[in-house]
N, C-alpha and C. Protein backbone atom coordinates (compact mmCIF):
# COMPACT_ATOMS: atom_id res chain seq x y z
N MET A 1 15.80 18.44 -7.86
CA MET A 1 15.20 17.20 -7.80
C MET A 1 16.07 16.17 -7.04
N SER A 2 17.37 16.34 -7.14
CA SER A 2 18.27 15.42 -6.56
C SER A 2 18.20 15.42 -5.08
N ARG A 3 17.87 16.51 -4.44
CA ARG A 3 17.76 16.57 -2.99
C ARG A 3 16.56 15.76 -2.53
N VAL A 4 15.53 15.86 -3.20
CA VAL A 4 14.31 15.06 -2.99
C VAL A 4 14.66 13.54 -3.14
N ASN A 5 15.37 13.24 -4.14
CA ASN A 5 15.75 11.82 -4.38
C ASN A 5 16.65 11.30 -3.24
N TYR A 6 17.61 12.12 -2.86
CA TYR A 6 18.50 11.74 -1.75
C TYR A 6 17.67 11.49 -0.42
N ILE A 7 16.73 12.35 -0.21
CA ILE A 7 15.90 12.20 1.02
C ILE A 7 15.11 10.95 0.96
N VAL A 8 14.39 10.73 -0.14
CA VAL A 8 13.51 9.49 -0.23
C VAL A 8 14.34 8.23 -0.25
N TRP A 9 15.36 8.16 -1.02
CA TRP A 9 16.14 6.88 -1.04
C TRP A 9 16.93 6.66 0.32
N GLY A 10 17.36 7.80 0.87
CA GLY A 10 18.06 7.66 2.16
C GLY A 10 17.10 7.16 3.24
N PHE A 11 15.79 7.66 3.22
CA PHE A 11 14.81 7.20 4.15
C PHE A 11 14.52 5.74 3.92
N LEU A 12 14.38 5.29 2.62
CA LEU A 12 14.11 3.84 2.34
C LEU A 12 15.30 2.98 2.75
N LEU A 13 16.51 3.51 2.57
CA LEU A 13 17.67 2.80 2.99
C LEU A 13 17.64 2.53 4.53
N LEU A 14 17.30 3.57 5.32
CA LEU A 14 17.16 3.39 6.71
C LEU A 14 16.01 2.48 7.13
N PHE A 15 14.94 2.58 6.41
CA PHE A 15 13.81 1.69 6.68
C PHE A 15 14.17 0.25 6.40
N GLY A 16 14.95 -0.03 5.32
CA GLY A 16 15.40 -1.31 5.06
C GLY A 16 16.28 -1.88 6.24
N ALA A 17 17.09 -1.05 6.78
CA ALA A 17 17.95 -1.41 7.91
C ALA A 17 17.04 -1.69 9.15
N PHE A 18 16.01 -0.92 9.32
CA PHE A 18 15.06 -1.15 10.40
C PHE A 18 14.38 -2.54 10.21
N VAL A 19 13.91 -2.76 9.07
CA VAL A 19 13.20 -4.07 8.78
C VAL A 19 14.23 -5.23 9.06
N ILE A 20 15.44 -5.13 8.65
CA ILE A 20 16.39 -6.26 8.97
C ILE A 20 16.56 -6.37 10.47
N HIS A 21 16.73 -5.27 11.14
CA HIS A 21 16.87 -5.31 12.62
C HIS A 21 15.74 -5.94 13.30
N GLU A 22 14.49 -5.60 12.85
CA GLU A 22 13.31 -6.23 13.48
C GLU A 22 13.15 -7.68 13.08
N SER A 23 13.59 -8.07 11.91
CA SER A 23 13.51 -9.51 11.48
C SER A 23 14.44 -10.36 12.26
N LEU A 24 15.50 -9.80 12.87
CA LEU A 24 16.37 -10.61 13.64
C LEU A 24 15.78 -11.05 14.99
N ASP A 25 14.63 -10.43 15.41
CA ASP A 25 13.96 -10.86 16.63
C ASP A 25 13.13 -12.17 16.35
N HIS A 26 13.01 -12.54 15.13
CA HIS A 26 12.19 -13.66 14.83
C HIS A 26 13.18 -14.73 14.24
N SER A 27 12.72 -15.98 14.32
CA SER A 27 13.56 -17.08 13.92
C SER A 27 13.71 -17.14 12.40
N TYR A 28 14.91 -17.26 11.92
CA TYR A 28 15.13 -17.34 10.47
C TYR A 28 14.76 -18.66 9.95
N PHE A 29 15.06 -19.69 10.62
CA PHE A 29 14.71 -21.04 10.21
C PHE A 29 13.45 -21.51 10.97
N GLY A 30 12.56 -22.07 10.24
CA GLY A 30 11.29 -22.49 10.80
C GLY A 30 11.33 -23.98 11.22
N SER A 31 10.71 -24.77 10.45
CA SER A 31 10.58 -26.24 10.76
C SER A 31 11.13 -26.94 9.55
N ASP A 32 10.82 -28.18 9.52
CA ASP A 32 11.30 -29.02 8.39
C ASP A 32 10.55 -28.62 7.15
N PHE A 33 9.38 -27.92 7.25
CA PHE A 33 8.56 -27.59 6.17
C PHE A 33 8.90 -26.25 5.44
N GLY A 34 9.64 -25.43 6.05
CA GLY A 34 10.01 -24.14 5.42
C GLY A 34 10.65 -23.12 6.33
N PRO A 35 10.91 -22.00 5.83
CA PRO A 35 11.58 -21.00 6.61
C PRO A 35 10.70 -20.45 7.75
N GLY A 36 11.40 -19.80 8.69
CA GLY A 36 10.68 -19.22 9.79
C GLY A 36 10.13 -17.79 9.48
N PRO A 37 9.49 -17.15 10.47
CA PRO A 37 8.91 -15.83 10.31
C PRO A 37 9.89 -14.70 10.01
N GLY A 38 11.13 -14.84 10.33
CA GLY A 38 12.12 -13.80 10.12
C GLY A 38 12.78 -13.89 8.73
N PHE A 39 12.54 -15.01 7.96
CA PHE A 39 13.17 -15.20 6.66
C PHE A 39 12.72 -14.11 5.62
N PHE A 40 11.39 -13.97 5.44
CA PHE A 40 10.89 -13.04 4.41
C PHE A 40 11.24 -11.61 4.76
N SER A 41 11.04 -11.22 5.96
CA SER A 41 11.32 -9.79 6.28
C SER A 41 12.77 -9.49 6.28
N PHE A 42 13.68 -10.46 6.53
CA PHE A 42 15.14 -10.28 6.44
C PHE A 42 15.49 -9.95 5.00
N TRP A 43 15.07 -10.81 4.09
CA TRP A 43 15.46 -10.67 2.72
C TRP A 43 14.73 -9.49 2.07
N LEU A 44 13.58 -9.17 2.51
CA LEU A 44 12.86 -7.93 2.07
C LEU A 44 13.68 -6.68 2.44
N GLY A 45 14.22 -6.70 3.68
CA GLY A 45 15.00 -5.57 4.09
C GLY A 45 16.25 -5.46 3.30
N ILE A 46 16.96 -6.59 3.02
CA ILE A 46 18.16 -6.61 2.15
C ILE A 46 17.90 -6.05 0.84
N LEU A 47 16.75 -6.51 0.17
CA LEU A 47 16.41 -6.07 -1.14
C LEU A 47 16.13 -4.58 -1.15
N LEU A 48 15.41 -4.09 -0.12
CA LEU A 48 15.11 -2.67 -0.01
C LEU A 48 16.38 -1.86 0.09
N MET A 49 17.35 -2.34 0.91
CA MET A 49 18.61 -1.56 1.02
C MET A 49 19.41 -1.57 -0.21
N VAL A 50 19.52 -2.77 -0.92
CA VAL A 50 20.28 -2.84 -2.17
C VAL A 50 19.69 -1.87 -3.17
N LEU A 51 18.38 -1.96 -3.39
CA LEU A 51 17.75 -1.11 -4.44
C LEU A 51 17.80 0.39 -4.06
N SER A 52 17.82 0.71 -2.80
CA SER A 52 17.99 2.10 -2.37
C SER A 52 19.41 2.56 -2.59
N LEU A 53 20.32 1.73 -2.40
CA LEU A 53 21.76 2.05 -2.69
C LEU A 53 21.98 2.29 -4.20
N VAL A 54 21.38 1.40 -5.00
CA VAL A 54 21.47 1.56 -6.49
C VAL A 54 20.88 2.90 -6.88
N GLN A 55 19.76 3.28 -6.39
CA GLN A 55 19.13 4.55 -6.67
C GLN A 55 19.89 5.73 -6.23
N LEU A 56 20.51 5.65 -5.07
CA LEU A 56 21.31 6.72 -4.50
C LEU A 56 22.56 6.93 -5.41
N VAL A 57 23.24 5.76 -5.82
CA VAL A 57 24.39 5.94 -6.68
C VAL A 57 23.93 6.55 -8.11
N GLY A 58 22.76 6.07 -8.58
CA GLY A 58 22.28 6.64 -9.82
C GLY A 58 21.89 8.14 -9.72
N THR A 59 21.38 8.57 -8.59
CA THR A 59 21.08 9.98 -8.34
C THR A 59 22.43 10.83 -8.29
N TYR A 60 23.46 10.21 -7.69
CA TYR A 60 24.69 10.91 -7.63
C TYR A 60 25.35 11.02 -8.94
N ARG A 61 25.16 10.11 -9.81
CA ARG A 61 25.85 10.16 -11.13
C ARG A 61 25.09 11.03 -12.22
N ARG A 62 23.81 11.27 -11.96
CA ARG A 62 23.03 12.04 -12.92
C ARG A 62 23.22 13.55 -12.66
N PRO A 63 23.09 14.34 -13.66
CA PRO A 63 23.14 15.84 -13.49
C PRO A 63 21.94 16.25 -12.71
N VAL A 64 22.11 17.37 -11.98
CA VAL A 64 21.07 17.90 -11.14
C VAL A 64 19.96 18.50 -12.05
N GLU A 65 18.74 18.10 -11.73
CA GLU A 65 17.62 18.62 -12.45
C GLU A 65 16.73 19.50 -11.57
N PRO A 66 16.20 20.58 -11.98
CA PRO A 66 15.32 21.36 -11.16
C PRO A 66 14.00 20.71 -10.97
N LEU A 67 13.26 21.03 -9.88
CA LEU A 67 12.01 20.44 -9.59
C LEU A 67 11.01 20.89 -10.67
N PRO A 68 10.16 20.00 -11.16
CA PRO A 68 9.17 20.43 -12.08
C PRO A 68 8.19 21.32 -11.41
N ASP A 69 7.58 22.16 -12.28
CA ASP A 69 6.60 23.22 -11.75
C ASP A 69 5.42 22.55 -10.97
N ASP A 70 4.97 21.43 -11.40
CA ASP A 70 3.81 20.71 -10.79
C ASP A 70 4.25 19.74 -9.76
N PHE A 71 5.44 19.84 -9.16
CA PHE A 71 5.88 18.87 -8.19
C PHE A 71 5.08 18.96 -6.90
N ILE A 72 4.78 20.09 -6.49
CA ILE A 72 3.94 20.34 -5.32
C ILE A 72 2.48 20.44 -5.87
N PRO A 73 1.58 19.59 -5.41
CA PRO A 73 0.23 19.59 -5.96
C PRO A 73 -0.50 20.86 -5.71
N GLY A 74 -1.35 21.17 -6.67
CA GLY A 74 -2.24 22.34 -6.53
C GLY A 74 -3.48 22.03 -5.71
N ARG A 75 -4.50 22.80 -5.77
CA ARG A 75 -5.64 22.76 -5.00
C ARG A 75 -6.42 21.38 -5.30
N ASP A 76 -6.49 21.01 -6.59
CA ASP A 76 -7.20 19.81 -6.97
C ASP A 76 -6.48 18.59 -6.50
N GLY A 77 -5.13 18.62 -6.57
CA GLY A 77 -4.40 17.44 -6.11
C GLY A 77 -4.51 17.26 -4.60
N ILE A 78 -4.50 18.35 -3.89
CA ILE A 78 -4.62 18.23 -2.42
C ILE A 78 -6.04 17.74 -2.04
N LYS A 79 -6.98 18.25 -2.80
CA LYS A 79 -8.35 17.75 -2.55
C LYS A 79 -8.51 16.30 -2.82
N ARG A 80 -7.89 15.70 -3.91
CA ARG A 80 -7.92 14.38 -4.22
C ARG A 80 -7.25 13.48 -3.13
N MET A 81 -6.09 14.03 -2.61
CA MET A 81 -5.40 13.33 -1.55
C MET A 81 -6.28 13.22 -0.25
N LEU A 82 -6.97 14.34 0.00
CA LEU A 82 -7.80 14.39 1.21
C LEU A 82 -8.99 13.41 1.03
N TYR A 83 -9.54 13.30 -0.21
CA TYR A 83 -10.62 12.29 -0.45
C TYR A 83 -10.12 10.90 -0.11
N ILE A 84 -8.93 10.59 -0.57
CA ILE A 84 -8.37 9.20 -0.37
C ILE A 84 -8.12 9.00 1.13
N LEU A 85 -7.57 10.00 1.82
CA LEU A 85 -7.31 9.91 3.26
C LEU A 85 -8.63 9.70 4.04
N ALA A 86 -9.69 10.49 3.66
CA ALA A 86 -10.96 10.37 4.30
C ALA A 86 -11.58 9.03 4.05
N ALA A 87 -11.47 8.48 2.84
CA ALA A 87 -12.05 7.13 2.50
C ALA A 87 -11.29 6.07 3.32
N LEU A 88 -10.02 6.17 3.50
CA LEU A 88 -9.24 5.16 4.32
C LEU A 88 -9.66 5.28 5.75
N VAL A 89 -9.82 6.42 6.31
CA VAL A 89 -10.22 6.53 7.70
C VAL A 89 -11.63 6.04 7.86
N ALA A 90 -12.50 6.30 6.97
CA ALA A 90 -13.89 5.78 7.04
C ALA A 90 -13.87 4.23 6.98
N CYS A 91 -13.01 3.65 6.17
CA CYS A 91 -12.86 2.25 6.07
C CYS A 91 -12.42 1.64 7.42
N GLN A 92 -11.60 2.33 8.11
CA GLN A 92 -11.13 1.83 9.37
C GLN A 92 -12.23 1.78 10.36
N PHE A 93 -13.17 2.77 10.34
CA PHE A 93 -14.26 2.75 11.26
C PHE A 93 -15.45 1.89 10.88
N LEU A 94 -15.63 1.62 9.52
CA LEU A 94 -16.72 0.86 9.11
C LEU A 94 -16.46 -0.62 8.91
N MET A 95 -15.18 -1.02 9.03
CA MET A 95 -14.84 -2.39 8.76
C MET A 95 -15.53 -3.32 9.68
N ASN A 96 -15.44 -3.12 10.98
CA ASN A 96 -16.12 -4.06 11.90
C ASN A 96 -17.62 -3.94 11.86
N LEU A 97 -18.17 -2.88 11.55
CA LEU A 97 -19.57 -2.61 11.52
C LEU A 97 -20.26 -3.32 10.31
N LEU A 98 -19.71 -3.05 9.10
CA LEU A 98 -20.27 -3.47 7.82
C LEU A 98 -19.62 -4.78 7.32
N GLY A 99 -18.41 -5.13 7.73
CA GLY A 99 -17.73 -6.22 7.28
C GLY A 99 -16.82 -5.81 6.11
N PHE A 100 -15.92 -6.70 5.69
CA PHE A 100 -14.88 -6.36 4.70
C PHE A 100 -15.56 -6.12 3.35
N SER A 101 -16.36 -7.04 2.87
CA SER A 101 -16.88 -6.86 1.56
C SER A 101 -17.68 -5.57 1.32
N LEU A 102 -18.58 -5.28 2.19
CA LEU A 102 -19.36 -4.08 2.06
C LEU A 102 -18.57 -2.80 2.17
N THR A 103 -17.63 -2.82 3.14
CA THR A 103 -16.80 -1.70 3.25
C THR A 103 -15.90 -1.39 2.06
N ILE A 104 -15.29 -2.43 1.49
CA ILE A 104 -14.54 -2.29 0.34
C ILE A 104 -15.37 -1.85 -0.86
N LEU A 105 -16.61 -2.33 -0.95
CA LEU A 105 -17.51 -2.02 -2.01
C LEU A 105 -17.80 -0.49 -1.91
N ILE A 106 -18.13 -0.03 -0.79
CA ILE A 106 -18.35 1.50 -0.59
C ILE A 106 -17.09 2.20 -0.95
N PHE A 107 -15.95 1.77 -0.42
CA PHE A 107 -14.65 2.40 -0.61
C PHE A 107 -14.41 2.53 -2.16
N CYS A 108 -14.60 1.48 -2.89
CA CYS A 108 -14.33 1.49 -4.31
C CYS A 108 -15.29 2.39 -5.12
N ILE A 109 -16.54 2.27 -4.75
CA ILE A 109 -17.47 3.12 -5.40
C ILE A 109 -17.20 4.61 -5.17
N PHE A 110 -16.83 4.98 -3.94
CA PHE A 110 -16.56 6.33 -3.64
C PHE A 110 -15.32 6.87 -4.36
N LEU A 111 -14.26 6.05 -4.35
CA LEU A 111 -13.02 6.51 -4.97
C LEU A 111 -13.18 6.48 -6.55
N PHE A 112 -13.80 5.49 -7.07
CA PHE A 112 -14.07 5.50 -8.50
C PHE A 112 -14.86 6.64 -8.99
N ARG A 113 -15.87 7.06 -8.21
CA ARG A 113 -16.69 8.15 -8.66
C ARG A 113 -15.95 9.52 -8.39
N MET A 114 -15.24 9.66 -7.31
CA MET A 114 -14.55 10.94 -6.97
C MET A 114 -13.32 11.11 -7.80
N LEU A 115 -12.57 10.02 -8.07
CA LEU A 115 -11.35 10.24 -8.74
C LEU A 115 -11.31 9.79 -10.24
N GLY A 116 -12.29 8.94 -10.55
CA GLY A 116 -12.32 8.35 -11.91
C GLY A 116 -13.29 9.13 -12.80
N ARG A 117 -13.23 8.81 -14.04
CA ARG A 117 -14.04 9.44 -15.11
C ARG A 117 -14.84 8.42 -15.88
N GLN A 118 -15.26 7.36 -15.32
CA GLN A 118 -15.98 6.27 -16.05
C GLN A 118 -17.44 6.38 -15.78
N ALA A 119 -18.21 5.50 -16.55
CA ALA A 119 -19.67 5.52 -16.31
C ALA A 119 -20.06 4.79 -15.09
N TRP A 120 -21.29 5.05 -14.63
CA TRP A 120 -21.73 4.41 -13.38
C TRP A 120 -21.71 2.92 -13.44
N TRP A 121 -22.15 2.35 -14.56
CA TRP A 121 -22.17 0.89 -14.64
C TRP A 121 -20.71 0.24 -14.51
N VAL A 122 -19.78 0.95 -15.07
CA VAL A 122 -18.44 0.48 -14.95
C VAL A 122 -17.93 0.56 -13.54
N THR A 123 -18.29 1.69 -12.83
CA THR A 123 -17.94 1.86 -11.44
C THR A 123 -18.51 0.78 -10.61
N VAL A 124 -19.76 0.49 -10.70
CA VAL A 124 -20.44 -0.51 -9.88
C VAL A 124 -19.88 -1.92 -10.23
N LEU A 125 -19.67 -2.21 -11.50
CA LEU A 125 -19.19 -3.51 -11.87
C LEU A 125 -17.75 -3.74 -11.28
N LEU A 126 -16.82 -2.73 -11.40
CA LEU A 126 -15.55 -2.91 -10.87
C LEU A 126 -15.59 -2.95 -9.36
N ALA A 127 -16.37 -2.22 -8.66
CA ALA A 127 -16.48 -2.22 -7.27
C ALA A 127 -17.02 -3.60 -6.77
N VAL A 128 -18.03 -4.11 -7.37
CA VAL A 128 -18.59 -5.39 -7.01
C VAL A 128 -17.55 -6.52 -7.16
N VAL A 129 -17.02 -6.57 -8.38
CA VAL A 129 -16.00 -7.60 -8.70
C VAL A 129 -14.84 -7.43 -7.77
N GLY A 130 -14.34 -6.26 -7.56
CA GLY A 130 -13.22 -5.99 -6.74
C GLY A 130 -13.41 -6.33 -5.31
N SER A 131 -14.49 -5.90 -4.66
CA SER A 131 -14.71 -6.19 -3.25
C SER A 131 -15.11 -7.68 -2.96
N PHE A 132 -16.05 -8.19 -3.67
CA PHE A 132 -16.43 -9.54 -3.38
C PHE A 132 -15.49 -10.54 -4.01
N GLY A 133 -14.76 -10.23 -5.09
CA GLY A 133 -13.73 -11.04 -5.60
C GLY A 133 -12.56 -11.13 -4.67
N LEU A 134 -12.19 -10.05 -4.07
CA LEU A 134 -11.15 -10.06 -3.13
C LEU A 134 -11.47 -10.79 -1.88
N SER A 135 -12.68 -10.68 -1.45
CA SER A 135 -13.20 -11.47 -0.34
C SER A 135 -13.14 -12.95 -0.60
N TYR A 136 -13.47 -13.31 -1.88
CA TYR A 136 -13.45 -14.72 -2.30
C TYR A 136 -12.00 -15.25 -2.28
N VAL A 137 -11.06 -14.46 -2.80
CA VAL A 137 -9.66 -14.93 -2.84
C VAL A 137 -9.13 -15.06 -1.40
N PHE A 138 -9.45 -14.11 -0.52
CA PHE A 138 -8.99 -14.24 0.85
C PHE A 138 -9.68 -15.52 1.53
N GLY A 139 -10.90 -15.79 1.10
CA GLY A 139 -11.53 -17.02 1.61
C GLY A 139 -10.82 -18.29 1.16
N LEU A 140 -10.38 -18.34 -0.12
CA LEU A 140 -9.62 -19.46 -0.60
C LEU A 140 -8.27 -19.60 0.11
N LEU A 141 -7.71 -18.48 0.55
CA LEU A 141 -6.43 -18.48 1.35
C LEU A 141 -6.72 -18.68 2.80
N GLN A 142 -7.89 -18.89 3.21
CA GLN A 142 -8.33 -19.06 4.56
C GLN A 142 -7.92 -17.98 5.50
N VAL A 143 -8.09 -16.72 5.00
CA VAL A 143 -7.83 -15.57 5.79
C VAL A 143 -9.08 -15.11 6.37
N MET A 144 -9.16 -14.90 7.68
CA MET A 144 -10.46 -14.42 8.36
C MET A 144 -10.53 -13.02 8.17
N LEU A 145 -11.73 -12.62 7.65
CA LEU A 145 -12.13 -11.16 7.42
C LEU A 145 -13.29 -10.81 8.33
N PRO A 146 -13.47 -9.53 8.68
CA PRO A 146 -14.58 -9.10 9.41
C PRO A 146 -15.88 -9.33 8.65
N THR A 147 -16.89 -9.90 9.29
CA THR A 147 -18.14 -10.12 8.57
C THR A 147 -19.15 -9.04 8.74
N GLY A 148 -19.07 -8.34 9.84
CA GLY A 148 -19.96 -7.18 10.16
C GLY A 148 -21.30 -7.71 10.66
N ILE A 149 -22.24 -6.78 10.78
CA ILE A 149 -23.55 -7.12 11.47
C ILE A 149 -24.39 -7.91 10.46
N LEU A 150 -24.14 -7.90 9.18
CA LEU A 150 -25.01 -8.59 8.24
C LEU A 150 -24.45 -9.95 8.00
N GLY A 151 -23.22 -10.31 8.43
CA GLY A 151 -22.69 -11.57 8.31
C GLY A 151 -22.14 -11.87 6.87
N ILE A 152 -21.94 -10.88 6.10
CA ILE A 152 -21.45 -11.09 4.72
C ILE A 152 -19.96 -11.21 4.67
């Protein structure tokens, strides 16, 4: 298990360095009103590198553990991952056609039914509240979302 941890935390350490490198292309200081576009990404990269280093040191200090038997997913796990991937790809193609709210509604219903074990009314309630609620929150934040052919 420690080899997997070294690979994952090493990759995240390098990704943090990449984020810092890319943030240096943007101005750190913005205007009189607040920081510039490079501020958040710079500190996010620093945080990612620090936490990765902490985890790498923790992995080094712990005794080596063997991989669990179920570390590599079985047939059902792979099928569930493919469902999620297919749903995300479908969202990409349906977003401009149906708009954000309807696409996320279909996405949530599909995933809740394929991966969850709740009743239909719970699935529909969560999907409607999640999709249109998220659309409402983005509207409050004045984020432009695709409206689709129905204009929703």
